Amino acid sequence: MAVVKIILLAIYAVICIGLICVVLLQSGKSAGLTGSIGGAAETYWGKNKARSLEGTFEKYTKIGAFSFIAITILLNILA
């Protein structure tokens, strides 16, 4: 069990650092002029958000957060 806990802690540390980096690389929701003018959802980037860099960061944030929570629960069960 000690080996599994050490491996989970190492993965946990990598996920924490990665999650911090991905969150810091994201732009704010009110960043830019297009968000304040209105109608930003109808622009090309609004329709294809999943393909943009911002959409990719959002996807990685969700995956990282889910992994963070799952490993946290596993580590608490093993403790």
PDB file of N, CA and C in Angstrom:
ATOM      1  N   MET A   1       0.810  -1.195   0.000  1.00  0.00           N
ATOM      2  CA  MET A   1       0.000   0.000   0.000  1.00  0.00           C
ATOM      3  C   MET A   1       0.855   1.261   0.000  1.00  0.00           C
ATOM      4  N   ALA A   2       2.017   1.198   0.606  1.00  0.00           N
ATOM      5  CA  ALA A   2       2.882   2.374   0.675  1.00  0.00           C
ATOM      6  C   ALA A   2       3.371   2.776  -0.712  1.00  0.00           C
ATOM      7  N   VAL A   3       3.617   1.792  -1.573  1.00  0.00           N
ATOM      8  CA  VAL A   3       4.097   2.091  -2.920  1.00  0.00           C
ATOM      9  C   VAL A   3       2.994   2.774  -3.729  1.00  0.00           C
ATOM     10  N   VAL A   4       1.773   2.299  -3.593  1.00  0.00           N
ATOM     11  CA  VAL A   4       0.639   2.899  -4.299  1.00  0.00           C
ATOM     12  C   VAL A   4       0.438   4.340  -3.833  1.00  0.00           C
ATOM     13  N   LYS A   5       0.564   4.572  -2.540  1.00  0.00           N
ATOM     14  CA  LYS A   5       0.393   5.916  -1.994  1.00  0.00           C
ATOM     15  C   LYS A   5       1.469   6.865  -2.511  1.00  0.00           C
ATOM     16  N   ILE A   6       2.700   6.381  -2.614  1.00  0.00           N
ATOM     17  CA  ILE A   6       3.793   7.221  -3.122  1.00  0.00           C
ATOM     18  C   ILE A   6       3.573   7.550  -4.599  1.00  0.00           C
ATOM     19  N   ILE A   7       3.126   6.570  -5.368  1.00  0.00           N
ATOM     20  CA  ILE A   7       2.857   6.805  -6.787  1.00  0.00           C
ATOM     21  C   ILE A   7       1.715   7.797  -6.950  1.00  0.00           C
ATOM     22  N   LEU A   8       0.658   7.644  -6.159  1.00  0.00           N
ATOM     23  CA  LEU A   8      -0.468   8.585  -6.215  1.00  0.00           C
ATOM     24  C   LEU A   8      -0.048   9.993  -5.811  1.00  0.00           C
ATOM     25  N   LEU A   9       0.817  10.105  -4.821  1.00  0.00           N
ATOM     26  CA  LEU A   9       1.299  11.425  -4.401  1.00  0.00           C
ATOM     27  C   LEU A   9       2.127  12.088  -5.503  1.00  0.00           C
ATOM     28  N   ALA A  10       2.932  11.301  -6.220  1.00  0.00           N
ATOM     29  CA  ALA A  10       3.721  11.857  -7.316  1.00  0.00           C
ATOM     30  C   ALA A  10       2.811  12.342  -8.448  1.00  0.00           C
ATOM     31  N   ILE A  11       1.813  11.530  -8.802  1.00  0.00           N
ATOM     32  CA  ILE A  11       0.854  11.928  -9.840  1.00  0.00           C
ATOM     33  C   ILE A  11       0.070  13.153  -9.385  1.00  0.00           C
ATOM     34  N   TYR A  12      -0.288  13.180  -8.114  1.00  0.00           N
ATOM     35  CA  TYR A  12      -1.032  14.294  -7.523  1.00  0.00           C
ATOM     36  C   TYR A  12      -0.237  15.601  -7.640  1.00  0.00           C
ATOM     37  N   ALA A  13       1.046  15.537  -7.365  1.00  0.00           N
ATOM     38  CA  ALA A  13       1.891  16.735  -7.448  1.00  0.00           C
ATOM     39  C   ALA A  13       1.983  17.238  -8.886  1.00  0.00           C
ATOM     40  N   VAL A  14       2.124  16.327  -9.838  1.00  0.00           N
ATOM     41  CA  VAL A  14       2.204  16.719 -11.245  1.00  0.00           C
ATOM     42  C   VAL A  14       0.882  17.351 -11.695  1.00  0.00           C
ATOM     43  N   ILE A  15      -0.236  16.769 -11.280  1.00  0.00           N
ATOM     44  CA  ILE A  15      -1.549  17.322 -11.644  1.00  0.00           C
ATOM     45  C   ILE A  15      -1.744  18.699 -11.023  1.00  0.00           C
ATOM     46  N   CYS A  16      -1.311  18.867  -9.783  1.00  0.00           N
ATOM     47  CA  CYS A  16      -1.445  20.180  -9.121  1.00  0.00           C
ATOM     48  C   CYS A  16      -0.670  21.257  -9.867  1.00  0.00           C
ATOM     49  N   ILE A  17       0.573  20.958 -10.224  1.00  0.00           N
ATOM     50  CA  ILE A  17       1.397  21.934 -10.940  1.00  0.00           C
ATOM     51  C   ILE A  17       0.813  22.208 -12.324  1.00  0.00           C
ATOM     52  N   GLY A  18       0.368  21.157 -13.007  1.00  0.00           N
ATOM     53  CA  GLY A  18      -0.237  21.345 -14.325  1.00  0.00           C
ATOM     54  C   GLY A  18      -1.515  22.146 -14.267  1.00  0.00           C
ATOM     55  N   LEU A  19      -2.333  21.893 -13.265  1.00  0.00           N
ATOM     56  CA  LEU A  19      -3.592  22.622 -13.113  1.00  0.00           C
ATOM     57  C   LEU A  19      -3.338  24.103 -12.827  1.00  0.00           C
ATOM     58  N   ILE A  20      -2.349  24.381 -12.015  1.00  0.00           N
ATOM     59  CA  ILE A  20      -1.994  25.779 -11.732  1.00  0.00           C
ATOM     60  C   ILE A  20      -1.551  26.484 -13.011  1.00  0.00           C
ATOM     61  N   CYS A  21      -0.721  25.817 -13.802  1.00  0.00           N
ATOM     62  CA  CYS A  21      -0.237  26.420 -15.049  1.00  0.00           C
ATOM     63  C   CYS A  21      -1.361  26.665 -16.041  1.00  0.00           C
ATOM     64  N   VAL A  22      -2.254  25.698 -16.199  1.00  0.00           N
ATOM     65  CA  VAL A  22      -3.353  25.854 -17.156  1.00  0.00           C
ATOM     66  C   VAL A  22      -4.295  26.976 -16.733  1.00  0.00           C
ATOM     67  N   VAL A  23      -4.576  27.084 -15.449  1.00  0.00           N
ATOM     68  CA  VAL A  23      -5.464  28.145 -14.972  1.00  0.00           C
ATOM     69  C   VAL A  23      -4.814  29.510 -15.164  1.00  0.00           C
ATOM     70  N   LEU A  24      -3.520  29.608 -14.928  1.00  0.00           N
ATOM     71  CA  LEU A  24      -2.841  30.898 -15.098  1.00  0.00           C
ATOM     72  C   LEU A  24      -2.706  31.295 -16.567  1.00  0.00           C
ATOM     73  N   LEU A  25      -2.701  30.336 -17.471  1.00  0.00           N
ATOM     74  CA  LEU A  25      -2.591  30.648 -18.893  1.00  0.00           C
ATOM     75  C   LEU A  25      -3.912  31.110 -19.502  1.00  0.00           C
ATOM     76  N   GLN A  26      -5.014  30.873 -18.827  1.00  0.00           N
ATOM     77  CA  GLN A  26      -6.315  31.277 -19.355  1.00  0.00           C
ATOM     78  C   GLN A  26      -6.494  32.781 -19.233  1.00  0.00           C
ATOM     79  N   SER A  27      -7.193  33.337 -20.221  1.00  0.00           N
ATOM     80  CA  SER A  27      -7.510  34.757 -20.134  1.00  0.00           C
ATOM     81  C   SER A  27      -8.795  34.927 -19.338  1.00  0.00           C
ATOM     82  N   GLY A  28      -8.986  36.100 -18.790  1.00  0.00           N
ATOM     83  CA  GLY A  28     -10.180  36.371 -18.008  1.00  0.00           C
ATOM     84  C   GLY A  28     -11.418  36.405 -18.890  1.00  0.00           C
ATOM     85  N   LYS A  29     -12.579  36.239 -18.292  1.00  0.00           N
ATOM     86  CA  LYS A  29     -13.825  36.251 -19.059  1.00  0.00           C
ATOM     87  C   LYS A  29     -14.133  37.633 -19.625  1.00  0.00           C
ATOM     88  N   SER A  30     -13.680  38.680 -18.981  1.00  0.00           N
ATOM     89  CA  SER A  30     -13.958  40.027 -19.462  1.00  0.00           C
ATOM     90  C   SER A  30     -12.781  40.606 -20.233  1.00  0.00           C
ATOM     91  N   ALA A  31     -11.803  39.787 -20.567  1.00  0.00           N
ATOM     92  CA  ALA A  31     -10.638  40.282 -21.291  1.00  0.00           C
ATOM     93  C   ALA A  31     -11.007  40.593 -22.738  1.00  0.00           C
ATOM     94  N   GLY A  32     -10.477  41.662 -23.248  1.00  0.00           N
ATOM     95  CA  GLY A  32     -10.706  42.009 -24.642  1.00  0.00           C
ATOM     96  C   GLY A  32     -11.925  42.885 -24.843  1.00  0.00           C
ATOM     97  N   LEU A  33     -11.963  43.522 -25.990  1.00  0.00           N
ATOM     98  CA  LEU A  33     -13.046  44.440 -26.300  1.00  0.00           C
ATOM     99  C   LEU A  33     -14.307  43.722 -26.751  1.00  0.00           C
ATOM    100  N   THR A  34     -14.169  42.542 -27.354  1.00  0.00           N
ATOM    101  CA  THR A  34     -15.332  41.848 -27.909  1.00  0.00           C
ATOM    102  C   THR A  34     -16.295  41.382 -26.828  1.00  0.00           C
ATOM    103  N   GLY A  35     -15.808  41.102 -25.636  1.00  0.00           N
ATOM    104  CA  GLY A  35     -16.690  40.660 -24.564  1.00  0.00           C
ATOM    105  C   GLY A  35     -17.566  41.769 -24.029  1.00  0.00           C
ATOM    106  N   SER A  36     -17.084  43.014 -24.083  1.00  0.00           N
ATOM    107  CA  SER A  36     -17.858  44.116 -23.524  1.00  0.00           C
ATOM    108  C   SER A  36     -18.827  44.730 -24.532  1.00  0.00           C
ATOM    109  N   ILE A  37     -18.597  44.532 -25.810  1.00  0.00           N
ATOM    110  CA  ILE A  37     -19.475  45.115 -26.821  1.00  0.00           C
ATOM    111  C   ILE A  37     -20.799  44.374 -26.876  1.00  0.00           C
ATOM    112  N   GLY A  38     -20.755  43.076 -26.681  1.00  0.00           N
ATOM    113  CA  GLY A  38     -21.972  42.271 -26.766  1.00  0.00           C
ATOM    114  C   GLY A  38     -22.010  41.540 -28.091  1.00  0.00           C
ATOM    115  N   GLY A  39     -22.694  40.437 -28.105  1.00  0.00           N
ATOM    116  CA  GLY A  39     -22.753  39.650 -29.321  1.00  0.00           C
ATOM    117  C   GLY A  39     -21.501  38.837 -29.556  1.00  0.00           C
ATOM    118  N   ALA A  40     -20.696  38.662 -28.536  1.00  0.00           N
ATOM    119  CA  ALA A  40     -19.440  37.925 -28.696  1.00  0.00           C
ATOM    120  C   ALA A  40     -19.693  36.455 -28.980  1.00  0.00           C
ATOM    121  N   ALA A  41     -20.849  35.946 -28.580  1.00  0.00           N
ATOM    122  CA  ALA A  41     -21.156  34.539 -28.821  1.00  0.00           C
ATOM    123  C   ALA A  41     -21.428  34.278 -30.292  1.00  0.00           C
ATOM    124  N   GLU A  42     -21.756  35.312 -31.047  1.00  0.00           N
ATOM    125  CA  GLU A  42     -22.067  35.133 -32.459  1.00  0.00           C
ATOM    126  C   GLU A  42     -20.848  35.279 -33.364  1.00  0.00           C
ATOM    127  N   THR A  43     -19.704  35.593 -32.812  1.00  0.00           N
ATOM    128  CA  THR A  43     -18.510  35.735 -33.622  1.00  0.00           C
ATOM    129  C   THR A  43     -17.969  34.366 -34.003  1.00  0.00           C
ATOM    130  N   TYR A  44     -17.026  34.373 -34.890  1.00  0.00           N
ATOM    131  CA  TYR A  44     -16.415  33.118 -35.342  1.00  0.00           C
ATOM    132  C   TYR A  44     -15.789  32.373 -34.175  1.00  0.00           C
ATOM    133  N   TRP A  45     -15.095  33.080 -33.319  1.00  0.00           N
ATOM    134  CA  TRP A  45     -14.415  32.420 -32.198  1.00  0.00           C
ATOM    135  C   TRP A  45     -15.406  31.919 -31.168  1.00  0.00           C
ATOM    136  N   GLY A  46     -16.555  32.557 -31.048  1.00  0.00           N
ATOM    137  CA  GLY A  46     -17.583  32.084 -30.132  1.00  0.00           C
ATOM    138  C   GLY A  46     -18.192  30.770 -30.577  1.00  0.00           C
ATOM    139  N   LYS A  47     -18.359  30.613 -31.893  1.00  0.00           N
ATOM    140  CA  LYS A  47     -18.939  29.392 -32.424  1.00  0.00           C
ATOM    141  C   LYS A  47     -17.955  28.232 -32.397  1.00  0.00           C
ATOM    142  N   ASN A  48     -16.686  28.522 -32.587  1.00  0.00           N
ATOM    143  CA  ASN A  48     -15.653  27.487 -32.656  1.00  0.00           C
ATOM    144  C   ASN A  48     -14.737  27.533 -31.450  1.00  0.00           C
ATOM    145  N   LYS A  49     -15.305  27.779 -30.294  1.00  0.00           N
ATOM    146  CA  LYS A  49     -14.509  27.928 -29.081  1.00  0.00           C
ATOM    147  C   LYS A  49     -13.772  26.639 -28.710  1.00  0.00           C
ATOM    148  N   ALA A  50     -14.375  25.494 -28.996  1.00  0.00           N
ATOM    149  CA  ALA A  50     -13.754  24.223 -28.637  1.00  0.00           C
ATOM    150  C   ALA A  50     -12.455  24.001 -29.401  1.00  0.00           C
ATOM    151  N   ARG A  51     -12.326  24.605 -30.559  1.00  0.00           N
ATOM    152  CA  ARG A  51     -11.122  24.428 -31.372  1.00  0.00           C
ATOM    153  C   ARG A  51     -10.054  25.467 -31.063  1.00  0.00           C
ATOM    154  N   SER A  52     -10.384  26.494 -30.332  1.00  0.00           N
ATOM    155  CA  SER A  52      -9.424  27.549 -30.045  1.00  0.00           C
ATOM    156  C   SER A  52      -8.539  27.170 -28.864  1.00  0.00           C
ATOM    157  N   LEU A  53      -7.511  27.959 -28.653  1.00  0.00           N
ATOM    158  CA  LEU A  53      -6.593  27.721 -27.540  1.00  0.00           C
ATOM    159  C   LEU A  53      -7.316  27.893 -26.208  1.00  0.00           C
ATOM    160  N   GLU A  54      -8.222  28.839 -26.153  1.00  0.00           N
ATOM    161  CA  GLU A  54      -8.997  29.067 -24.933  1.00  0.00           C
ATOM    162  C   GLU A  54      -9.883  27.868 -24.600  1.00  0.00           C
ATOM    163  N   GLY A  55     -10.490  27.281 -25.622  1.00  0.00           N
ATOM    164  CA  GLY A  55     -11.311  26.098 -25.422  1.00  0.00           C
ATOM    165  C   GLY A  55     -10.489  24.905 -24.966  1.00  0.00           C
ATOM    166  N   THR A  56      -9.277  24.809 -25.494  1.00  0.00           N
ATOM    167  CA  THR A  56      -8.378  23.723 -25.092  1.00  0.00           C
ATOM    168  C   THR A  56      -7.986  23.873 -23.630  1.00  0.00           C
ATOM    169  N   PHE A  57      -7.659  25.086 -23.220  1.00  0.00           N
ATOM    170  CA  PHE A  57      -7.319  25.317 -21.814  1.00  0.00           C
ATOM    171  C   PHE A  57      -8.499  24.995 -20.906  1.00  0.00           C
ATOM    172  N   GLU A  58      -9.696  25.333 -21.349  1.00  0.00           N
ATOM    173  CA  GLU A  58     -10.894  25.048 -20.558  1.00  0.00           C
ATOM    174  C   GLU A  58     -11.092  23.539 -20.388  1.00  0.00           C
ATOM    175  N   LYS A  59     -10.860  22.802 -21.470  1.00  0.00           N
ATOM    176  CA  LYS A  59     -10.996  21.343 -21.428  1.00  0.00           C
ATOM    177  C   LYS A  59      -9.956  20.735 -20.487  1.00  0.00           C
ATOM    178  N   TYR A  60      -8.711  21.212 -20.576  1.00  0.00           N
ATOM    179  CA  TYR A  60      -7.657  20.695 -19.691  1.00  0.00           C
ATOM    180  C   TYR A  60      -7.918  21.055 -18.234  1.00  0.00           C
ATOM    181  N   THR A  61      -8.533  22.205 -17.993  1.00  0.00           N
ATOM    182  CA  THR A  61      -8.874  22.592 -16.624  1.00  0.00           C
ATOM    183  C   THR A  61      -9.911  21.644 -16.040  1.00  0.00           C
ATOM    184  N   LYS A  62     -10.914  21.288 -16.832  1.00  0.00           N
ATOM    185  CA  LYS A  62     -11.936  20.355 -16.360  1.00  0.00           C
ATOM    186  C   LYS A  62     -11.347  18.978 -16.084  1.00  0.00           C
ATOM    187  N   ILE A  63     -10.503  18.499 -16.982  1.00  0.00           N
ATOM    188  CA  ILE A  63      -9.867  17.190 -16.789  1.00  0.00           C
ATOM    189  C   ILE A  63      -8.961  17.209 -15.561  1.00  0.00           C
ATOM    190  N   GLY A  64      -8.186  18.281 -15.413  1.00  0.00           N
ATOM    191  CA  GLY A  64      -7.293  18.397 -14.265  1.00  0.00           C
ATOM    192  C   GLY A  64      -8.036  18.496 -12.945  1.00  0.00           C
ATOM    193  N   ALA A  65      -9.134  19.236 -12.939  1.00  0.00           N
ATOM    194  CA  ALA A  65      -9.923  19.368 -11.712  1.00  0.00           C
ATOM    195  C   ALA A  65     -10.556  18.043 -11.318  1.00  0.00           C
ATOM    196  N   PHE A  66     -11.086  17.305 -12.311  1.00  0.00           N
ATOM    197  CA  PHE A  66     -11.668  16.001 -12.019  1.00  0.00           C
ATOM    198  C   PHE A  66     -10.602  15.040 -11.489  1.00  0.00           C
ATOM    199  N   SER A  67      -9.429  15.037 -12.117  1.00  0.00           N
ATOM    200  CA  SER A  67      -8.331  14.171 -11.657  1.00  0.00           C
ATOM    201  C   SER A  67      -7.879  14.550 -10.258  1.00  0.00           C
ATOM    202  N   PHE A  68      -7.799  15.849  -9.995  1.00  0.00           N
ATOM    203  CA  PHE A  68      -7.399  16.348  -8.683  1.00  0.00           C
ATOM    204  C   PHE A  68      -8.358  15.850  -7.601  1.00  0.00           C
ATOM    205  N   ILE A  69      -9.649  15.966  -7.861  1.00  0.00           N
ATOM    206  CA  ILE A  69     -10.652  15.536  -6.884  1.00  0.00           C
ATOM    207  C   ILE A  69     -10.618  14.025  -6.697  1.00  0.00           C
ATOM    208  N   ALA A  70     -10.489  13.292  -7.803  1.00  0.00           N
ATOM    209  CA  ALA A  70     -10.477  11.827  -7.719  1.00  0.00           C
ATOM    210  C   ALA A  70      -9.272  11.317  -6.938  1.00  0.00           C
ATOM    211  N   ILE A  71      -8.101  11.871  -7.196  1.00  0.00           N
ATOM    212  CA  ILE A  71      -6.908  11.426  -6.485  1.00  0.00           C
ATOM    213  C   ILE A  71      -6.952  11.858  -5.023  1.00  0.00           C
ATOM    214  N   THR A  72      -7.532  13.021  -4.757  1.00  0.00           N
ATOM    215  CA  THR A  72      -7.685  13.462  -3.374  1.00  0.00           C
ATOM    216  C   THR A  72      -8.547  12.467  -2.585  1.00  0.00           C
ATOM    217  N   ILE A  73      -9.637  12.036  -3.190  1.00  0.00           N
ATOM    218  CA  ILE A  73     -10.505  11.061  -2.519  1.00  0.00           C
ATOM    219  C   ILE A  73      -9.768   9.743  -2.330  1.00  0.00           C
ATOM    220  N   LEU A  74      -9.034   9.280  -3.342  1.00  0.00           N
ATOM    221  CA  LEU A  74      -8.266   8.039  -3.210  1.00  0.00           C
ATOM    222  C   LEU A  74      -7.215   8.130  -2.113  1.00  0.00           C
ATOM    223  N   LEU A  75      -6.534   9.255  -2.036  1.00  0.00           N
ATOM    224  CA  LEU A  75      -5.510   9.422  -0.997  1.00  0.00           C
ATOM    225  C   LEU A  75      -6.141   9.436   0.396  1.00  0.00           C
ATOM    226  N   ASN A  76      -7.331   9.995   0.528  1.00  0.00           N
ATOM    227  CA  ASN A  76      -8.007   9.996   1.821  1.00  0.00           C
ATOM    228  C   ASN A  76      -8.478   8.596   2.210  1.00  0.00           C
ATOM    229  N   ILE A  77      -8.877   7.813   1.223  1.00  0.00           N
ATOM    230  CA  ILE A  77      -9.284   6.434   1.511  1.00  0.00           C
ATOM    231  C   ILE A  77      -8.088   5.599   1.953  1.00  0.00           C
ATOM    232  N   LEU A  78      -6.932   5.834   1.317  1.00  0.00           N
ATOM    233  CA  LEU A  78      -5.727   5.062   1.637  1.00  0.00           C
ATOM    234  C   LEU A  78      -5.071   5.494   2.954  1.00  0.00           C
ATOM    235  N   ALA A  79      -5.411   6.672   3.438  1.00  0.00           N
ATOM    236  CA  ALA A  79      -4.766   7.175   4.660  1.00  0.00           C
ATOM    237  C   ALA A  79      -5.214   6.453   5.903  1.00  0.00           C
TER     238      ALA A  79
END
